[in-house]
């Protein structure tokens, strides 16, 4: 029996767990960070919570006889990706990073790409009304920004929030017409988001294009050098099942 750990929390991680559940010679454990209340759970065995850094993850892989690790975490979960890379190398367990493709600007898009949330805050006009869609973590990077913020997240932020604006709790997917209506109703001037990729939350980009609004796009960090990666769930399934 081949034992696979999926570091999940994404739609790709859930799709991979479902595919591997059909493999008769594969046992899967999906691990969720536990940062989202009432997360969408994958099929099969699930553990919730951290491992205790590189040392804890390496020990867990060894103690649980894991044969392969698939990092299917959020594209901006750089800490767990780095820990997975270091831990898997330490105990000589192969690692595959499963990442959805990035969003790419097209005709009519008005994107400014920045390297960090702090850089995003720095380029905002002083009087802007901002739709901030970066999740609940990192919103404190905007506390000194003088604009008005509509902060959309699945769960309430646990850090300081900008003093002017409001929090909107919502979970995607979102429809383009609804995003257009939201931006119009709140007189949004600019959208700030991370380049997460995927279809669940891309409607805000279509809505911004339709309305001619600028988008401040925070770029992803790079996948660890030398780590194997794919954007295809079928490829990840074959790899995790030992067929690739």
Protein backbone atom coordinates (compact mmCIF):
# COMPACT_ATOMS: atom_id res chain seq x y z
CA UNK A 1 0.00 0.00 0.00
CA UNK A 2 1.46 3.35 -1.08
CA UNK A 3 0.91 6.06 1.55
CA UNK A 4 0.50 9.63 0.32
CA UNK A 5 0.24 12.87 2.29
CA UNK A 6 -1.67 15.70 0.60
CA UNK A 7 -1.06 19.13 2.06
CA UNK A 8 -4.44 20.49 1.04
CA UNK A 9 -7.02 23.18 1.59
CA UNK A 10 -7.59 23.93 -2.09
CA UNK A 11 -9.95 22.67 -4.78
CA UNK A 12 -6.97 20.95 -6.41
CA UNK A 13 -6.17 19.14 -3.17
CA UNK A 14 -9.78 17.95 -2.87
CA UNK A 15 -9.83 16.79 -6.49
CA UNK A 16 -6.58 14.89 -5.98
CA UNK A 17 -7.85 13.21 -2.80
CA UNK A 18 -11.01 12.13 -4.63
CA UNK A 19 -9.00 10.71 -7.53
CA UNK A 20 -6.60 8.82 -5.28
CA UNK A 21 -9.51 7.40 -3.27
CA UNK A 22 -10.30 5.36 -6.39
CA UNK A 23 -6.82 3.84 -6.42
CA UNK A 24 -6.92 0.43 -4.68
CA UNK A 25 -3.25 0.46 -3.67
CA UNK A 26 -3.05 4.02 -2.34
CA UNK A 27 -3.83 5.27 1.17
CA UNK A 28 -4.21 9.04 1.45
CA UNK A 29 -4.13 11.49 4.35
CA UNK A 30 -5.13 15.09 3.60
CA UNK A 31 -3.76 17.70 5.99
CA UNK A 32 -5.49 21.06 6.46
CA UNK A 33 -3.89 24.00 8.23
CA UNK A 34 -7.04 24.72 10.24
CA UNK A 35 -7.08 28.45 9.49
CA UNK A 36 -10.56 28.44 7.91
CA UNK A 37 -13.67 27.75 9.93
CA UNK A 38 -15.91 25.06 8.44
CA UNK A 39 -13.52 24.19 5.57
CA UNK A 40 -14.58 22.12 2.60
CA UNK A 41 -13.32 18.67 3.49
CA UNK A 42 -11.79 16.23 1.02
CA UNK A 43 -12.83 12.61 0.86
CA UNK A 44 -10.85 10.16 2.95
CA UNK A 45 -8.75 10.60 6.07
CA UNK A 46 -8.19 14.20 7.18
CA UNK A 47 -5.91 15.74 9.82
CA UNK A 48 -6.18 19.38 10.88
CA UNK A 49 -3.43 21.58 12.29
CA UNK A 50 0.26 22.25 11.87
CA UNK A 51 3.13 19.80 12.16
CA UNK A 52 5.55 21.91 14.17
CA UNK A 53 7.79 23.23 11.42
CA UNK A 54 10.32 21.29 9.38
CA UNK A 55 11.35 19.04 12.27
CA UNK A 56 7.78 18.11 13.14
CA UNK A 57 6.82 17.41 9.54
CA UNK A 58 9.94 15.32 8.93
CA UNK A 59 9.17 13.25 12.05
CA UNK A 60 5.53 12.83 10.98
CA UNK A 61 6.53 11.62 7.50
CA UNK A 62 8.94 9.12 9.00
CA UNK A 63 6.62 7.93 11.77
CA UNK A 64 3.70 7.44 9.37
CA UNK A 65 5.68 5.65 6.65
CA UNK A 66 4.76 8.21 3.98
CA UNK A 67 5.92 7.31 0.48
CA UNK A 68 5.10 10.59 -1.28
CA UNK A 69 3.97 14.14 -0.46
CA UNK A 70 1.87 16.41 -2.66
CA UNK A 71 1.84 20.05 -1.66
CA UNK A 72 -1.56 21.25 -2.90
CA UNK A 73 -1.77 24.22 -0.54
CA UNK A 74 -2.74 27.75 -1.55
CA UNK A 75 -0.22 29.36 -3.94
CA UNK A 76 0.58 31.93 -1.22
CA UNK A 77 1.15 29.38 1.56
CA UNK A 78 4.89 29.81 1.09
CA UNK A 79 5.86 28.76 4.63
CA UNK A 80 4.31 25.29 4.46
CA UNK A 81 5.68 24.83 0.94
CA UNK A 82 9.16 25.65 2.17
CA UNK A 83 8.73 23.36 5.17
CA UNK A 84 7.47 20.53 2.95
CA UNK A 85 10.44 20.90 0.63
CA UNK A 86 12.96 20.86 3.48
CA UNK A 87 11.26 18.03 5.42
CA UNK A 88 10.82 15.77 2.40
CA UNK A 89 14.47 16.20 1.45
CA UNK A 90 15.55 15.41 4.99
CA UNK A 91 13.75 12.05 5.11
CA UNK A 92 14.17 11.31 1.38
CA UNK A 93 10.45 11.31 0.54
CA UNK A 94 9.57 12.62 -2.95
CA UNK A 95 7.58 15.87 -3.11
CA UNK A 96 5.36 17.20 -5.88
CA UNK A 97 3.98 20.76 -5.80
CA UNK A 98 0.49 20.97 -7.33
CA UNK A 99 -0.25 24.58 -8.27
CA UNK A 100 -3.06 26.00 -10.36
CA UNK A 101 -1.88 28.32 -13.19
CA UNK A 102 -1.50 32.01 -12.47
CA UNK A 103 -3.93 34.57 -13.80
CA UNK A 104 -2.55 36.42 -16.82
CA UNK A 105 -3.57 39.93 -17.83
CA UNK A 106 -5.37 40.20 -21.15
CA UNK A 107 -6.73 42.91 -23.43
CA UNK A 108 -8.57 45.57 -21.45
CA UNK A 109 -6.96 44.68 -18.12
CA UNK A 110 -5.30 47.48 -16.14
CA UNK A 111 -3.01 45.60 -13.79
CA UNK A 112 -0.16 46.83 -11.63
CA UNK A 113 1.89 43.85 -10.41
CA UNK A 114 3.69 44.23 -7.08
CA UNK A 115 5.88 41.94 -5.02
CA UNK A 116 4.18 42.23 -1.62
CA UNK A 117 1.13 43.47 0.27
CA UNK A 118 3.20 46.37 1.57
CA UNK A 119 4.01 47.35 -2.01
CA UNK A 120 0.31 47.09 -2.86
CA UNK A 121 -0.55 49.49 -0.04
CA UNK A 122 2.12 51.91 -1.22
CA UNK A 123 0.73 52.28 -4.75
CA UNK A 124 -2.89 53.00 -3.73
CA UNK A 125 -4.19 56.53 -4.30
CA UNK A 126 -4.84 58.35 -1.04
CA UNK A 127 -8.59 58.72 -1.62
CA UNK A 128 -9.25 55.33 -3.24
CA UNK A 129 -12.20 53.11 -2.42
CA UNK A 130 -10.65 49.65 -2.46
CA UNK A 131 -12.03 46.15 -2.81
CA UNK A 132 -9.45 44.15 -0.83
CA UNK A 133 -9.64 40.44 -1.65
CA UNK A 134 -6.49 38.94 -0.12
CA UNK A 135 -8.16 36.78 2.54
CA UNK A 136 -8.13 37.59 6.22
CA UNK A 137 -4.35 37.38 6.67
CA UNK A 138 -2.24 40.37 5.76
CA UNK A 139 -4.94 43.04 5.86
CA UNK A 140 -2.89 44.80 8.55
CA UNK A 141 -0.51 45.86 5.76
CA UNK A 142 -3.16 48.47 4.88
CA UNK A 143 -3.86 49.93 8.34
CA UNK A 144 -2.00 53.15 7.54
CA UNK A 145 -3.63 53.60 4.14
CA UNK A 146 -6.01 56.58 4.13
CA UNK A 147 -8.54 55.11 1.70
CA UNK A 148 -11.81 53.22 2.28
CA UNK A 149 -11.68 49.42 2.18
CA UNK A 150 -14.25 46.73 1.52
CA UNK A 151 -12.42 43.71 2.96
CA UNK A 152 -13.81 40.44 1.64
CA UNK A 153 -12.77 37.21 3.34
CA UNK A 154 -14.20 33.83 4.29
CA UNK A 155 -13.56 34.37 8.01
CA UNK A 156 -13.14 37.59 10.04
CA UNK A 157 -9.59 38.99 10.10
CA UNK A 158 -7.66 38.31 13.30
CA UNK A 159 -5.22 41.19 12.73
CA UNK A 160 -5.69 44.96 12.67
CA UNK A 161 -7.83 46.22 9.79
CA UNK A 162 -7.85 49.59 8.03
CA UNK A 163 -9.84 52.08 10.12
CA UNK A 164 -12.14 53.14 7.28
CA UNK A 165 -14.37 50.57 5.60
CA UNK A 166 -16.11 47.32 6.38
CA UNK A 167 -15.63 43.55 6.34
CA UNK A 168 -17.70 41.38 4.02
CA UNK A 169 -17.70 37.66 4.83
CA UNK A 170 -18.28 35.59 1.69
CA UNK A 171 -17.02 32.42 0.05
CA UNK A 172 -16.65 31.95 -3.71
CA UNK A 173 -17.34 31.10 -6.40
CA UNK A 174 -18.68 34.49 -7.41
CA UNK A 175 -20.57 35.46 -10.57
CA UNK A 176 -19.30 38.28 -12.77
CA UNK A 177 -22.62 40.18 -12.69
CA UNK A 178 -22.66 40.01 -8.91
CA UNK A 179 -19.09 41.29 -8.75
CA UNK A 180 -19.97 44.18 -11.04
CA UNK A 181 -22.95 45.04 -8.84
CA UNK A 182 -20.81 44.87 -5.69
CA UNK A 183 -18.22 47.21 -7.14
CA UNK A 184 -20.81 49.67 -8.37
CA UNK A 185 -22.78 49.68 -5.11
CA UNK A 186 -19.63 50.38 -3.11
CA UNK A 187 -18.19 52.84 -5.64
CA UNK A 188 -14.97 50.84 -5.87
CA UNK A 189 -12.02 52.60 -7.53
CA UNK A 190 -9.43 49.81 -7.42
CA UNK A 191 -9.25 46.07 -6.71
CA UNK A 192 -6.36 44.59 -4.69
CA UNK A 193 -5.84 40.84 -4.88
CA UNK A 194 -3.24 38.08 -4.86
CA UNK A 195 -2.45 36.13 -7.99
CA UNK A 196 -4.04 32.94 -6.67
CA UNK A 197 -5.25 31.73 -10.05
CA UNK A 198 -8.22 29.45 -10.56
CA UNK A 199 -11.85 29.98 -11.51
CA UNK A 200 -13.46 30.26 -8.07
CA UNK A 201 -12.57 33.92 -7.56
CA UNK A 202 -11.58 35.13 -11.03
CA UNK A 203 -14.93 36.87 -11.61
CA UNK A 204 -13.64 39.98 -9.81
CA UNK A 205 -11.04 40.38 -12.57
CA UNK A 206 -13.70 40.10 -15.28
CA UNK A 207 -15.81 42.63 -13.41
CA UNK A 208 -12.90 45.05 -13.04
CA UNK A 209 -12.19 44.74 -16.76
CA UNK A 210 -15.85 45.39 -17.59
CA UNK A 211 -15.88 48.51 -15.41
CA UNK A 212 -12.46 49.71 -16.52
CA UNK A 213 -11.07 49.53 -12.98
CA UNK A 214 -7.39 49.10 -12.16
CA UNK A 215 -6.21 45.99 -10.34
CA UNK A 216 -3.23 45.82 -8.00
CA UNK A 217 -1.98 42.23 -8.32
CA UNK A 218 0.36 40.74 -5.72
CA UNK A 219 2.73 38.28 -7.39
CA UNK A 220 3.32 34.76 -6.10
CA UNK A 221 6.52 33.61 -4.50
CA UNK A 222 8.49 31.05 -6.48
CA UNK A 223 8.21 27.30 -5.96
CA UNK A 224 11.36 26.04 -4.17
CA UNK A 225 14.23 25.53 -6.58
CA UNK A 226 14.51 21.95 -7.73
CA UNK A 227 11.03 20.92 -6.54
CA UNK A 228 8.91 18.96 -9.03
CA UNK A 229 5.65 20.71 -9.90
CA UNK A 230 2.55 20.43 -12.04
CA UNK A 231 -0.69 22.31 -12.60
CA UNK A 232 -2.58 19.19 -13.69
CA UNK A 233 -4.52 17.05 -11.19
CA UNK A 234 -4.37 14.00 -13.48
CA UNK A 235 -0.59 14.24 -13.65
CA UNK A 236 -0.44 14.61 -9.87
CA UNK A 237 -2.68 11.54 -9.51
CA UNK A 238 -0.38 9.43 -11.68
CA UNK A 239 2.66 10.70 -9.79
CA UNK A 240 1.17 10.06 -6.34
CA UNK A 241 -0.01 6.60 -7.37
CA UNK A 242 3.50 5.71 -8.44
CA UNK A 243 2.79 5.61 -12.17
CA UNK A 244 5.07 8.57 -12.99
